[in-house]
Amino acid sequence: MTVRWEDFAIEDPPVVSDAQVLEVERAIGRRLPQDYLAVVRVNQERTPEPGCFDLVDGDRSSINSLLVFEEGHSD
């Protein structure tokens, strides 16, 4: 499946830095998965199309948008 990423709150979002990742991980008290970080570093606050996907157990799930790592954003 091909995923297309569309701008949501930030137009042409900048690449997320290592410092920004560490700051968010400290704030939430969790390490983020490396595969998630690979996507979010270049697609922060973007929304995927399609947004729904099938899980291995047969259920479906969806993603509205990715985290924002920019200073001053409440998301």
N, C-alpha and C. Protein backbone atom coordinates (compact mmCIF):
# COMPACT_ATOMS: atom_id res chain seq x y z
N MET A 1 0.85 -1.18 0.00
CA MET A 1 0.00 0.00 0.00
C MET A 1 0.89 1.23 0.00
N THR A 2 0.57 2.18 -0.83
CA THR A 2 1.29 3.44 -0.89
C THR A 2 0.56 4.47 -0.04
N VAL A 3 1.30 5.17 0.80
CA VAL A 3 0.73 6.20 1.66
C VAL A 3 1.18 7.57 1.15
N ARG A 4 0.24 8.46 1.00
CA ARG A 4 0.52 9.84 0.60
C ARG A 4 0.32 10.71 1.84
N TRP A 5 1.26 11.59 2.14
CA TRP A 5 1.18 12.44 3.33
C TRP A 5 0.76 13.84 2.92
N GLU A 6 -0.32 14.34 3.55
CA GLU A 6 -0.87 15.66 3.24
C GLU A 6 -0.64 16.60 4.42
N ASP A 7 -0.28 17.85 4.11
CA ASP A 7 -0.10 18.86 5.17
C ASP A 7 -1.39 19.03 5.94
N PHE A 8 -1.27 19.24 7.24
CA PHE A 8 -2.43 19.43 8.11
C PHE A 8 -2.33 20.80 8.76
N ALA A 9 -1.60 20.95 9.84
CA ALA A 9 -1.49 22.23 10.55
C ALA A 9 -0.24 23.00 10.16
N ILE A 10 0.77 22.30 9.66
CA ILE A 10 2.03 22.94 9.28
C ILE A 10 2.25 22.69 7.80
N GLU A 11 2.40 23.77 7.02
CA GLU A 11 2.68 23.61 5.61
C GLU A 11 4.17 23.35 5.42
N ASP A 12 4.50 22.31 4.67
CA ASP A 12 5.89 21.89 4.46
C ASP A 12 6.67 21.84 5.77
N PRO A 13 6.29 20.94 6.68
CA PRO A 13 6.93 20.89 8.00
C PRO A 13 8.43 20.61 7.90
N PRO A 14 9.22 21.25 8.77
CA PRO A 14 10.66 20.99 8.77
C PRO A 14 10.97 19.61 9.34
N VAL A 15 12.15 19.10 9.02
CA VAL A 15 12.60 17.81 9.55
C VAL A 15 12.78 17.93 11.06
N VAL A 16 12.33 16.93 11.79
CA VAL A 16 12.43 16.91 13.25
C VAL A 16 13.86 16.55 13.65
N SER A 17 14.43 17.32 14.57
CA SER A 17 15.80 17.09 15.02
C SER A 17 15.85 16.06 16.15
N ASP A 18 17.06 15.53 16.40
CA ASP A 18 17.26 14.61 17.52
C ASP A 18 16.90 15.28 18.85
N ALA A 19 17.25 16.55 18.99
CA ALA A 19 16.94 17.28 20.23
C ALA A 19 15.43 17.38 20.46
N GLN A 20 14.67 17.60 19.40
CA GLN A 20 13.22 17.68 19.51
C GLN A 20 12.64 16.33 19.92
N VAL A 21 13.17 15.26 19.34
CA VAL A 21 12.70 13.91 19.69
C VAL A 21 12.95 13.65 21.17
N LEU A 22 14.16 13.94 21.65
CA LEU A 22 14.49 13.72 23.05
C LEU A 22 13.59 14.52 23.98
N GLU A 23 13.30 15.76 23.61
CA GLU A 23 12.44 16.62 24.43
C GLU A 23 11.04 16.03 24.55
N VAL A 24 10.48 15.55 23.44
CA VAL A 24 9.14 14.96 23.46
C VAL A 24 9.16 13.65 24.25
N GLU A 25 10.18 12.83 24.04
CA GLU A 25 10.26 11.56 24.78
C GLU A 25 10.35 11.80 26.28
N ARG A 26 11.10 12.81 26.67
CA ARG A 26 11.18 13.14 28.10
C ARG A 26 9.82 13.61 28.62
N ALA A 27 9.13 14.42 27.83
CA ALA A 27 7.83 14.98 28.25
C ALA A 27 6.78 13.88 28.42
N ILE A 28 6.80 12.88 27.55
CA ILE A 28 5.79 11.82 27.63
C ILE A 28 6.27 10.63 28.46
N GLY A 29 7.55 10.61 28.81
CA GLY A 29 8.08 9.53 29.63
C GLY A 29 8.20 8.20 28.92
N ARG A 30 8.33 8.23 27.61
CA ARG A 30 8.42 7.02 26.79
C ARG A 30 9.37 7.24 25.63
N ARG A 31 10.02 6.16 25.21
CA ARG A 31 10.80 6.18 23.98
C ARG A 31 9.85 5.92 22.82
N LEU A 32 10.01 6.64 21.74
CA LEU A 32 9.19 6.42 20.56
C LEU A 32 9.86 5.36 19.68
N PRO A 33 9.07 4.49 19.04
CA PRO A 33 9.64 3.45 18.18
C PRO A 33 10.42 4.06 17.00
N GLN A 34 11.51 3.43 16.65
CA GLN A 34 12.36 3.93 15.57
C GLN A 34 11.64 3.99 14.22
N ASP A 35 10.76 3.02 13.94
CA ASP A 35 10.04 3.06 12.67
C ASP A 35 9.05 4.23 12.63
N TYR A 36 8.46 4.57 13.77
CA TYR A 36 7.58 5.75 13.85
C TYR A 36 8.41 7.02 13.64
N LEU A 37 9.56 7.10 14.30
CA LEU A 37 10.41 8.29 14.17
C LEU A 37 10.89 8.49 12.74
N ALA A 38 11.17 7.42 12.03
CA ALA A 38 11.60 7.53 10.64
C ALA A 38 10.54 8.23 9.78
N VAL A 39 9.28 7.98 10.09
CA VAL A 39 8.18 8.60 9.34
C VAL A 39 7.90 10.01 9.84
N VAL A 40 7.81 10.17 11.17
CA VAL A 40 7.42 11.46 11.74
C VAL A 40 8.50 12.54 11.56
N ARG A 41 9.76 12.15 11.45
CA ARG A 41 10.83 13.14 11.27
C ARG A 41 10.61 14.00 10.03
N VAL A 42 10.03 13.43 8.99
CA VAL A 42 9.81 14.18 7.74
C VAL A 42 8.34 14.47 7.47
N ASN A 43 7.44 13.97 8.33
CA ASN A 43 6.00 14.15 8.10
C ASN A 43 5.25 14.63 9.34
N GLN A 44 5.93 15.36 10.24
CA GLN A 44 5.24 15.79 11.46
C GLN A 44 3.98 16.56 11.13
N GLU A 45 2.93 16.24 11.88
CA GLU A 45 1.60 16.86 11.79
C GLU A 45 0.93 16.66 10.44
N ARG A 46 1.49 15.82 9.59
CA ARG A 46 0.81 15.50 8.33
C ARG A 46 -0.18 14.38 8.59
N THR A 47 -1.13 14.25 7.69
CA THR A 47 -2.15 13.22 7.79
C THR A 47 -1.98 12.24 6.62
N PRO A 48 -2.07 10.93 6.90
CA PRO A 48 -1.87 9.94 5.84
C PRO A 48 -3.14 9.72 5.02
N GLU A 49 -2.93 9.41 3.76
CA GLU A 49 -4.03 9.03 2.88
C GLU A 49 -3.62 7.76 2.16
N PRO A 50 -4.23 6.63 2.36
CA PRO A 50 -5.42 6.44 3.18
C PRO A 50 -5.08 6.48 4.68
N GLY A 51 -6.06 6.85 5.49
CA GLY A 51 -5.87 6.96 6.93
C GLY A 51 -6.30 5.72 7.70
N CYS A 52 -6.96 4.77 7.03
CA CYS A 52 -7.40 3.52 7.68
C CYS A 52 -6.53 2.38 7.20
N PHE A 53 -6.34 1.40 8.09
CA PHE A 53 -5.56 0.23 7.72
C PHE A 53 -6.06 -0.98 8.51
N ASP A 54 -5.78 -2.16 7.96
CA ASP A 54 -6.17 -3.42 8.58
C ASP A 54 -5.08 -3.88 9.54
N LEU A 55 -5.50 -4.38 10.70
CA LEU A 55 -4.58 -4.97 11.67
C LEU A 55 -4.49 -6.46 11.43
N VAL A 56 -3.44 -7.09 11.95
CA VAL A 56 -3.23 -8.52 11.72
C VAL A 56 -4.34 -9.38 12.31
N ASP A 57 -5.05 -8.88 13.33
CA ASP A 57 -6.13 -9.67 13.94
C ASP A 57 -7.47 -9.49 13.22
N GLY A 58 -7.47 -8.75 12.10
CA GLY A 58 -8.69 -8.56 11.34
C GLY A 58 -9.42 -7.27 11.64
N ASP A 59 -9.08 -6.59 12.72
CA ASP A 59 -9.69 -5.30 13.03
C ASP A 59 -9.13 -4.22 12.11
N ARG A 60 -9.74 -3.04 12.15
CA ARG A 60 -9.26 -1.89 11.39
C ARG A 60 -8.91 -0.78 12.37
N SER A 61 -8.00 0.08 11.98
CA SER A 61 -7.61 1.22 12.79
C SER A 61 -7.36 2.40 11.86
N SER A 62 -7.09 3.56 12.46
CA SER A 62 -6.84 4.74 11.64
C SER A 62 -5.88 5.69 12.33
N ILE A 63 -5.31 6.58 11.55
CA ILE A 63 -4.42 7.64 12.04
C ILE A 63 -4.95 8.95 11.50
N ASN A 64 -5.17 9.92 12.39
CA ASN A 64 -5.62 11.23 11.96
C ASN A 64 -4.44 12.07 11.50
N SER A 65 -3.44 12.22 12.36
CA SER A 65 -2.23 12.96 12.01
C SER A 65 -1.12 12.55 12.96
N LEU A 66 0.10 12.84 12.55
CA LEU A 66 1.27 12.51 13.36
C LEU A 66 1.53 13.60 14.39
N LEU A 67 2.36 13.28 15.39
CA LEU A 67 2.73 14.25 16.42
C LEU A 67 3.41 15.47 15.82
N VAL A 68 3.33 16.58 16.55
CA VAL A 68 4.05 17.81 16.18
C VAL A 68 5.20 17.98 17.14
N PHE A 69 6.38 18.27 16.62
CA PHE A 69 7.57 18.44 17.44
C PHE A 69 8.02 19.90 17.49
N GLU A 70 7.27 20.80 16.89
CA GLU A 70 7.64 22.21 16.86
C GLU A 70 7.28 22.92 18.15
N GLU A 71 8.16 23.79 18.61
CA GLU A 71 7.95 24.59 19.83
C GLU A 71 6.67 25.42 19.68
N GLY A 72 5.87 25.44 20.72
CA GLY A 72 4.68 26.27 20.72
C GLY A 72 3.42 25.61 20.23
N HIS A 73 3.52 24.40 19.67
CA HIS A 73 2.33 23.68 19.22
C HIS A 73 1.76 22.89 20.38
N SER A 74 0.46 22.93 20.55
CA SER A 74 -0.18 22.21 21.66
C SER A 74 -0.38 20.73 21.34
N ASP A 75 -0.28 20.35 20.06
CA ASP A 75 -0.47 18.95 19.68
C ASP A 75 0.74 18.15 20.07
